[in-house]
C-alpha cells in the first residue's frame, strides 16, 4: 500500500524555523527516522521509504503554502495514491503548542494550505494532522506570529513533539485513522 504524507510549509531560508513550517519539520523527522533522503522533483522535495510493508512518499511542496494543493494533487495522481491514504501535516493556531489532532475530514479552518488542497481535490474528506503552535498574539498579528520563530522553551520541547508526530504518522499507515485518533489526539 502507498501513502502520500504531505508536510506543509514555505520554502526558503527565511521560513525555515518558523511556526508555519511545522509540517516540513515533521516530514524531516519522519524521513530522518528512516534515513530517507530527499530529491528535488516536480512541485516539491520527495523522500521515499518503507515502513512495515507500506510505501511512504513524503512530500514537502515547493509551491509555497497558499498553493499546496497543486503539489498534493500532482503527487496523488503521479503515484496513484488513493485519497484515503493521504495525510496532510500542518500548523494550527487553534491548538495549544505541541498538542496535535488527527481528523479524516473537515474545513480548512482558515488555513490557506488546507484551503488550496480542498479546492484542488474538490473535497474536504482527506486526513490532516494538525500540530498546535498556540495563539499567543494580538489582533492583526496572526501573520507575524505564524511566520515567527519558535520561543526558546518551544524549541526545547519541539524534539519530543516531533517524535510523537512521527509515531502518529506510523500509526496512521499501519493501524488506520480511527485507532490513531484514539491513541494520539491531544497528546
C-alpha atoms as a PDB file:
ATOM      1  CA  UNK A   1       0.000   0.000   0.000  1.00  0.00           C
ATOM      2  CA  UNK A   2       1.132   3.519  -0.834  1.00  0.00           C
ATOM      3  CA  UNK A   3       0.679   6.635   1.279  1.00  0.00           C
ATOM      4  CA  UNK A   4       1.331  10.276   0.494  1.00  0.00           C
ATOM      5  CA  UNK A   5       2.454  12.209   3.575  1.00  0.00           C
ATOM      6  CA  UNK A   6       2.451  15.934   2.789  1.00  0.00           C
ATOM      7  CA  UNK A   7       4.161  18.184   5.313  1.00  0.00           C
ATOM      8  CA  UNK A   8       3.171  21.774   4.592  1.00  0.00           C
ATOM      9  CA  UNK A   9       5.468  24.768   4.845  1.00  0.00           C
ATOM     10  CA  UNK A  10       7.138  27.530   2.885  1.00  0.00           C
ATOM     11  CA  UNK A  11      10.429  27.145   1.056  1.00  0.00           C
ATOM     12  CA  UNK A  12      13.360  29.463   1.667  1.00  0.00           C
ATOM     13  CA  UNK A  13      15.781  30.144   4.499  1.00  0.00           C
ATOM     14  CA  UNK A  14      13.651  32.984   5.880  1.00  0.00           C
ATOM     15  CA  UNK A  15      10.857  30.471   6.681  1.00  0.00           C
ATOM     16  CA  UNK A  16      12.991  27.515   7.789  1.00  0.00           C
ATOM     17  CA  UNK A  17      12.441  27.678  11.552  1.00  0.00           C
ATOM     18  CA  UNK A  18       9.056  29.357  11.672  1.00  0.00           C
ATOM     19  CA  UNK A  19       5.911  28.004  13.289  1.00  0.00           C
ATOM     20  CA  UNK A  20       4.180  27.827   9.884  1.00  0.00           C
ATOM     21  CA  UNK A  21       6.771  25.249   8.769  1.00  0.00           C
ATOM     22  CA  UNK A  22       5.956  22.616  11.393  1.00  0.00           C
ATOM     23  CA  UNK A  23       4.716  20.363   8.564  1.00  0.00           C
ATOM     24  CA  UNK A  24       8.190  20.456   6.996  1.00  0.00           C
ATOM     25  CA  UNK A  25       9.749  19.691  10.403  1.00  0.00           C
ATOM     26  CA  UNK A  26       7.530  16.626  10.879  1.00  0.00           C
ATOM     27  CA  UNK A  27       8.286  15.469   7.318  1.00  0.00           C
ATOM     28  CA  UNK A  28      12.013  15.845   8.009  1.00  0.00           C
ATOM     29  CA  UNK A  29      11.715  13.910  11.283  1.00  0.00           C
ATOM     30  CA  UNK A  30       9.780  11.149   9.517  1.00  0.00           C
ATOM     31  CA  UNK A  31      12.339  10.905   6.716  1.00  0.00           C
ATOM     32  CA  UNK A  32      15.218  11.107   9.194  1.00  0.00           C
ATOM     33  CA  UNK A  33      13.765   8.244  11.255  1.00  0.00           C
ATOM     34  CA  UNK A  34      14.105   6.047   8.148  1.00  0.00           C
ATOM     35  CA  UNK A  35      17.363   7.564   6.884  1.00  0.00           C
ATOM     36  CA  UNK A  36      15.490   8.529   3.710  1.00  0.00           C
ATOM     37  CA  UNK A  37      16.930  11.328   1.606  1.00  0.00           C
ATOM     38  CA  UNK A  38      15.001  13.947  -0.329  1.00  0.00           C
ATOM     39  CA  UNK A  39      15.261  14.533  -4.042  1.00  0.00           C
ATOM     40  CA  UNK A  40      14.074  17.713  -5.734  1.00  0.00           C
ATOM     41  CA  UNK A  41      11.219  16.726  -8.005  1.00  0.00           C
ATOM     42  CA  UNK A  42       8.230  18.395  -9.607  1.00  0.00           C
ATOM     43  CA  UNK A  43       6.373  20.655  -7.156  1.00  0.00           C
ATOM     44  CA  UNK A  44       8.496  19.683  -4.179  1.00  0.00           C
ATOM     45  CA  UNK A  45      11.080  17.622  -2.399  1.00  0.00           C
ATOM     46  CA  UNK A  46      10.230  13.922  -2.148  1.00  0.00           C
ATOM     47  CA  UNK A  47      11.595  11.173   0.045  1.00  0.00           C
ATOM     48  CA  UNK A  48      10.509   7.571  -0.305  1.00  0.00           C
ATOM     49  CA  UNK A  49      10.653   4.937   2.396  1.00  0.00           C
ATOM     50  CA  UNK A  50       9.167   1.657   3.509  1.00  0.00           C
ATOM     51  CA  UNK A  51       7.531   1.153   6.879  1.00  0.00           C
ATOM     52  CA  UNK A  52       6.101  -2.235   7.849  1.00  0.00           C
ATOM     53  CA  UNK A  53       5.291  -3.173   4.277  1.00  0.00           C
ATOM     54  CA  UNK A  54       3.874   0.217   3.336  1.00  0.00           C
ATOM     55  CA  UNK A  55       5.422   2.662   0.899  1.00  0.00           C
ATOM     56  CA  UNK A  56       5.506   6.235   2.164  1.00  0.00           C
ATOM     57  CA  UNK A  57       6.035   9.110  -0.229  1.00  0.00           C
ATOM     58  CA  UNK A  58       6.893  12.151   1.893  1.00  0.00           C
ATOM     59  CA  UNK A  59       6.286  15.482   0.165  1.00  0.00           C
ATOM     60  CA  UNK A  60       7.487  18.952   1.108  1.00  0.00           C
ATOM     61  CA  UNK A  61       5.797  21.173  -1.506  1.00  0.00           C
ATOM     62  CA  UNK A  62       7.885  23.930  -3.097  1.00  0.00           C
ATOM     63  CA  UNK A  63       4.748  25.784  -4.182  1.00  0.00           C
ATOM     64  CA  UNK A  64       4.532  27.897  -1.012  1.00  0.00           C
ATOM     65  CA  UNK A  65       1.755  27.301   1.478  1.00  0.00           C
ATOM     66  CA  UNK A  66      -1.038  29.018  -0.436  1.00  0.00           C
ATOM     67  CA  UNK A  67      -0.604  26.726  -3.461  1.00  0.00           C
ATOM     68  CA  UNK A  68      -0.010  23.438  -1.627  1.00  0.00           C
ATOM     69  CA  UNK A  69      -2.943  21.818  -3.413  1.00  0.00           C
ATOM     70  CA  UNK A  70      -1.077  21.894  -6.715  1.00  0.00           C
ATOM     71  CA  UNK A  71       1.720  19.702  -5.336  1.00  0.00           C
ATOM     72  CA  UNK A  72      -0.566  17.390  -3.355  1.00  0.00           C
ATOM     73  CA  UNK A  73      -2.902  16.763  -6.296  1.00  0.00           C
ATOM     74  CA  UNK A  74       0.015  16.147  -8.661  1.00  0.00           C
ATOM     75  CA  UNK A  75       1.696  13.577  -6.364  1.00  0.00           C
ATOM     76  CA  UNK A  76      -1.571  11.793  -5.552  1.00  0.00           C
ATOM     77  CA  UNK A  77      -2.106  11.329  -9.297  1.00  0.00           C
ATOM     78  CA  UNK A  78       1.537  10.649 -10.140  1.00  0.00           C
ATOM     79  CA  UNK A  79       1.906   7.906  -7.513  1.00  0.00           C
ATOM     80  CA  UNK A  80      -1.693   6.661  -7.851  1.00  0.00           C
ATOM     81  CA  UNK A  81      -2.282   7.067  -4.116  1.00  0.00           C
ATOM     82  CA  UNK A  82      -5.933   6.711  -3.066  1.00  0.00           C
ATOM     83  CA  UNK A  83      -7.376   9.746  -1.290  1.00  0.00           C
ATOM     84  CA  UNK A  84      -7.863   7.779   1.943  1.00  0.00           C
ATOM     85  CA  UNK A  85      -4.072   7.238   2.022  1.00  0.00           C
ATOM     86  CA  UNK A  86      -3.276  10.951   2.008  1.00  0.00           C
ATOM     87  CA  UNK A  87      -2.147  12.594   5.248  1.00  0.00           C
ATOM     88  CA  UNK A  88      -1.519  16.350   5.302  1.00  0.00           C
ATOM     89  CA  UNK A  89       0.523  17.744   8.212  1.00  0.00           C
ATOM     90  CA  UNK A  90       0.095  21.385   9.088  1.00  0.00           C
ATOM     91  CA  UNK A  91       0.250  24.015  11.820  1.00  0.00           C
ATOM     92  CA  UNK A  92      -2.829  25.083  13.774  1.00  0.00           C
ATOM     93  CA  UNK A  93      -3.206  28.197  15.936  1.00  0.00           C
ATOM     94  CA  UNK A  94      -6.437  26.829  17.476  1.00  0.00           C
ATOM     95  CA  UNK A  95      -4.458  24.160  19.343  1.00  0.00           C
ATOM     96  CA  UNK A  96      -2.055  24.856  22.211  1.00  0.00           C
ATOM     97  CA  UNK A  97       1.632  24.479  21.406  1.00  0.00           C
ATOM     98  CA  UNK A  98       2.583  20.837  20.938  1.00  0.00           C
ATOM     99  CA  UNK A  99      -0.916  19.356  21.023  1.00  0.00           C
ATOM    100  CA  UNK A 100      -1.958  17.520  17.906  1.00  0.00           C
ATOM    101  CA  UNK A 101      -5.213  16.408  16.361  1.00  0.00           C
ATOM    102  CA  UNK A 102      -5.815  13.958  13.534  1.00  0.00           C
ATOM    103  CA  UNK A 103      -9.039  14.210  11.550  1.00  0.00           C
ATOM    104  CA  UNK A 104     -10.181  12.365   8.424  1.00  0.00           C
ATOM    105  CA  UNK A 105     -12.095  15.368   7.076  1.00  0.00           C
ATOM    106  CA  UNK A 106     -13.048  18.898   7.963  1.00  0.00           C
ATOM    107  CA  UNK A 107     -12.932  22.527   6.997  1.00  0.00           C
ATOM    108  CA  UNK A 108      -9.745  24.410   6.256  1.00  0.00           C
ATOM    109  CA  UNK A 109     -10.230  26.441   9.458  1.00  0.00           C
ATOM    110  CA  UNK A 110      -8.847  29.492   7.678  1.00  0.00           C
ATOM    111  CA  UNK A 111      -5.573  27.729   6.817  1.00  0.00           C
ATOM    112  CA  UNK A 112      -4.531  28.682   3.282  1.00  0.00           C
ATOM    113  CA  UNK A 113      -2.619  25.453   2.643  1.00  0.00           C
ATOM    114  CA  UNK A 114      -5.653  23.328   3.521  1.00  0.00           C
ATOM    115  CA  UNK A 115      -7.887  25.677   1.531  1.00  0.00           C
ATOM    116  CA  UNK A 116      -5.731  25.150  -1.579  1.00  0.00           C
ATOM    117  CA  UNK A 117      -5.744  21.368  -1.142  1.00  0.00           C
ATOM    118  CA  UNK A 118      -9.516  21.271  -0.613  1.00  0.00           C
ATOM    119  CA  UNK A 119     -10.135  23.417  -3.700  1.00  0.00           C
ATOM    120  CA  UNK A 120      -7.907  21.348  -5.998  1.00  0.00           C
ATOM    121  CA  UNK A 121      -9.022  17.953  -4.677  1.00  0.00           C
ATOM    122  CA  UNK A 122     -12.663  19.043  -4.693  1.00  0.00           C
ATOM    123  CA  UNK A 123     -13.291  17.567  -1.253  1.00  0.00           C
ATOM    124  CA  UNK A 124     -12.698  18.103   2.458  1.00  0.00           C
ATOM    125  CA  UNK A 125     -12.556  14.329   3.004  1.00  0.00           C
ATOM    126  CA  UNK A 126      -8.824  13.803   3.444  1.00  0.00           C
ATOM    127  CA  UNK A 127      -6.832  13.188   6.611  1.00  0.00           C
ATOM    128  CA  UNK A 128      -4.933  16.004   8.246  1.00  0.00           C
ATOM    129  CA  UNK A 129      -2.673  16.032  11.270  1.00  0.00           C
ATOM    130  CA  UNK A 130      -2.858  19.471  12.805  1.00  0.00           C
ATOM    131  CA  UNK A 131       0.043  20.399  15.088  1.00  0.00           C
ATOM    132  CA  UNK A 132      -0.683  23.100  17.646  1.00  0.00           C
ATOM    133  CA  UNK A 133       1.507  26.178  17.551  1.00  0.00           C
ATOM    134  CA  UNK A 134      -0.530  28.189  20.067  1.00  0.00           C
ATOM    135  CA  UNK A 135      -2.094  31.583  19.592  1.00  0.00           C
ATOM    136  CA  UNK A 136      -0.127  33.980  21.743  1.00  0.00           C
ATOM    137  CA  UNK A 137      -0.660  37.010  19.506  1.00  0.00           C
ATOM    138  CA  UNK A 138      -2.792  40.125  19.493  1.00  0.00           C
ATOM    139  CA  UNK A 139      -5.322  41.382  16.971  1.00  0.00           C
ATOM    140  CA  UNK A 140      -3.888  41.701  13.480  1.00  0.00           C
ATOM    141  CA  UNK A 141      -0.687  39.800  14.373  1.00  0.00           C
ATOM    142  CA  UNK A 142      -1.536  36.332  13.003  1.00  0.00           C
ATOM    143  CA  UNK A 143       0.855  36.533  10.044  1.00  0.00           C
ATOM    144  CA  UNK A 144       3.764  37.773  12.175  1.00  0.00           C
ATOM    145  CA  UNK A 145       3.083  35.011  14.716  1.00  0.00           C
ATOM    146  CA  UNK A 146       2.903  32.052  12.320  1.00  0.00           C
ATOM    147  CA  UNK A 147       5.903  33.336  10.371  1.00  0.00           C
ATOM    148  CA  UNK A 148       7.766  33.984  13.616  1.00  0.00           C
ATOM    149  CA  UNK A 149      10.491  31.832  15.129  1.00  0.00           C
ATOM    150  CA  UNK A 150       9.966  29.420  17.993  1.00  0.00           C
ATOM    151  CA  UNK A 151      10.411  30.698  21.536  1.00  0.00           C
ATOM    152  CA  UNK A 152      13.358  29.076  23.393  1.00  0.00           C
ATOM    153  CA  UNK A 153      11.040  26.964  25.575  1.00  0.00           C
ATOM    154  CA  UNK A 154       9.127  25.813  22.479  1.00  0.00           C
ATOM    155  CA  UNK A 155      12.372  24.960  20.719  1.00  0.00           C
ATOM    156  CA  UNK A 156      13.395  22.836  23.722  1.00  0.00           C
ATOM    157  CA  UNK A 157      10.123  20.868  23.601  1.00  0.00           C
ATOM    158  CA  UNK A 158       9.986  20.515  19.819  1.00  0.00           C
ATOM    159  CA  UNK A 159      12.075  17.345  19.547  1.00  0.00           C
ATOM    160  CA  UNK A 160       9.692  15.370  21.779  1.00  0.00           C
ATOM    161  CA  UNK A 161       6.665  16.747  19.910  1.00  0.00           C
ATOM    162  CA  UNK A 162       8.202  15.728  16.564  1.00  0.00           C
ATOM    163  CA  UNK A 163       8.809  12.192  17.876  1.00  0.00           C
ATOM    164  CA  UNK A 164       5.130  11.900  18.812  1.00  0.00           C
ATOM    165  CA  UNK A 165       4.091  13.218  15.390  1.00  0.00           C
ATOM    166  CA  UNK A 166       6.279  10.581  13.675  1.00  0.00           C
ATOM    167  CA  UNK A 167       4.669   7.854  15.809  1.00  0.00           C
ATOM    168  CA  UNK A 168       1.275   9.241  14.818  1.00  0.00           C
ATOM    169  CA  UNK A 169       2.131   9.001  11.114  1.00  0.00           C
ATOM    170  CA  UNK A 170       3.437   5.453  11.572  1.00  0.00           C
ATOM    171  CA  UNK A 171       0.189   4.527  13.364  1.00  0.00           C
ATOM    172  CA  UNK A 172      -1.915   6.153  10.624  1.00  0.00           C
ATOM    173  CA  UNK A 173      -0.315   3.985   7.923  1.00  0.00           C
ATOM    174  CA  UNK A 174      -0.368   0.748   9.941  1.00  0.00           C
ATOM    175  CA  UNK A 175      -3.373   0.906  12.304  1.00  0.00           C
ATOM    176  CA  UNK A 176      -5.576   3.348  10.390  1.00  0.00           C
ATOM    177  CA  UNK A 177      -7.057   6.714  11.316  1.00  0.00           C
ATOM    178  CA  UNK A 178      -9.674   5.630  13.897  1.00  0.00           C
ATOM    179  CA  UNK A 179      -7.251   3.837  16.212  1.00  0.00           C
ATOM    180  CA  UNK A 180      -4.619   6.531  15.642  1.00  0.00           C
ATOM    181  CA  UNK A 181      -7.039   9.264  16.697  1.00  0.00           C
ATOM    182  CA  UNK A 182      -7.822   7.345  19.890  1.00  0.00           C
ATOM    183  CA  UNK A 183      -4.143   6.813  20.689  1.00  0.00           C
ATOM    184  CA  UNK A 184      -2.617  10.138  19.711  1.00  0.00           C
ATOM    185  CA  UNK A 185      -5.135  13.009  19.587  1.00  0.00           C
ATOM    186  CA  UNK A 186      -4.387  15.767  22.100  1.00  0.00           C
ATOM    187  CA  UNK A 187      -1.066  14.237  23.108  1.00  0.00           C
END
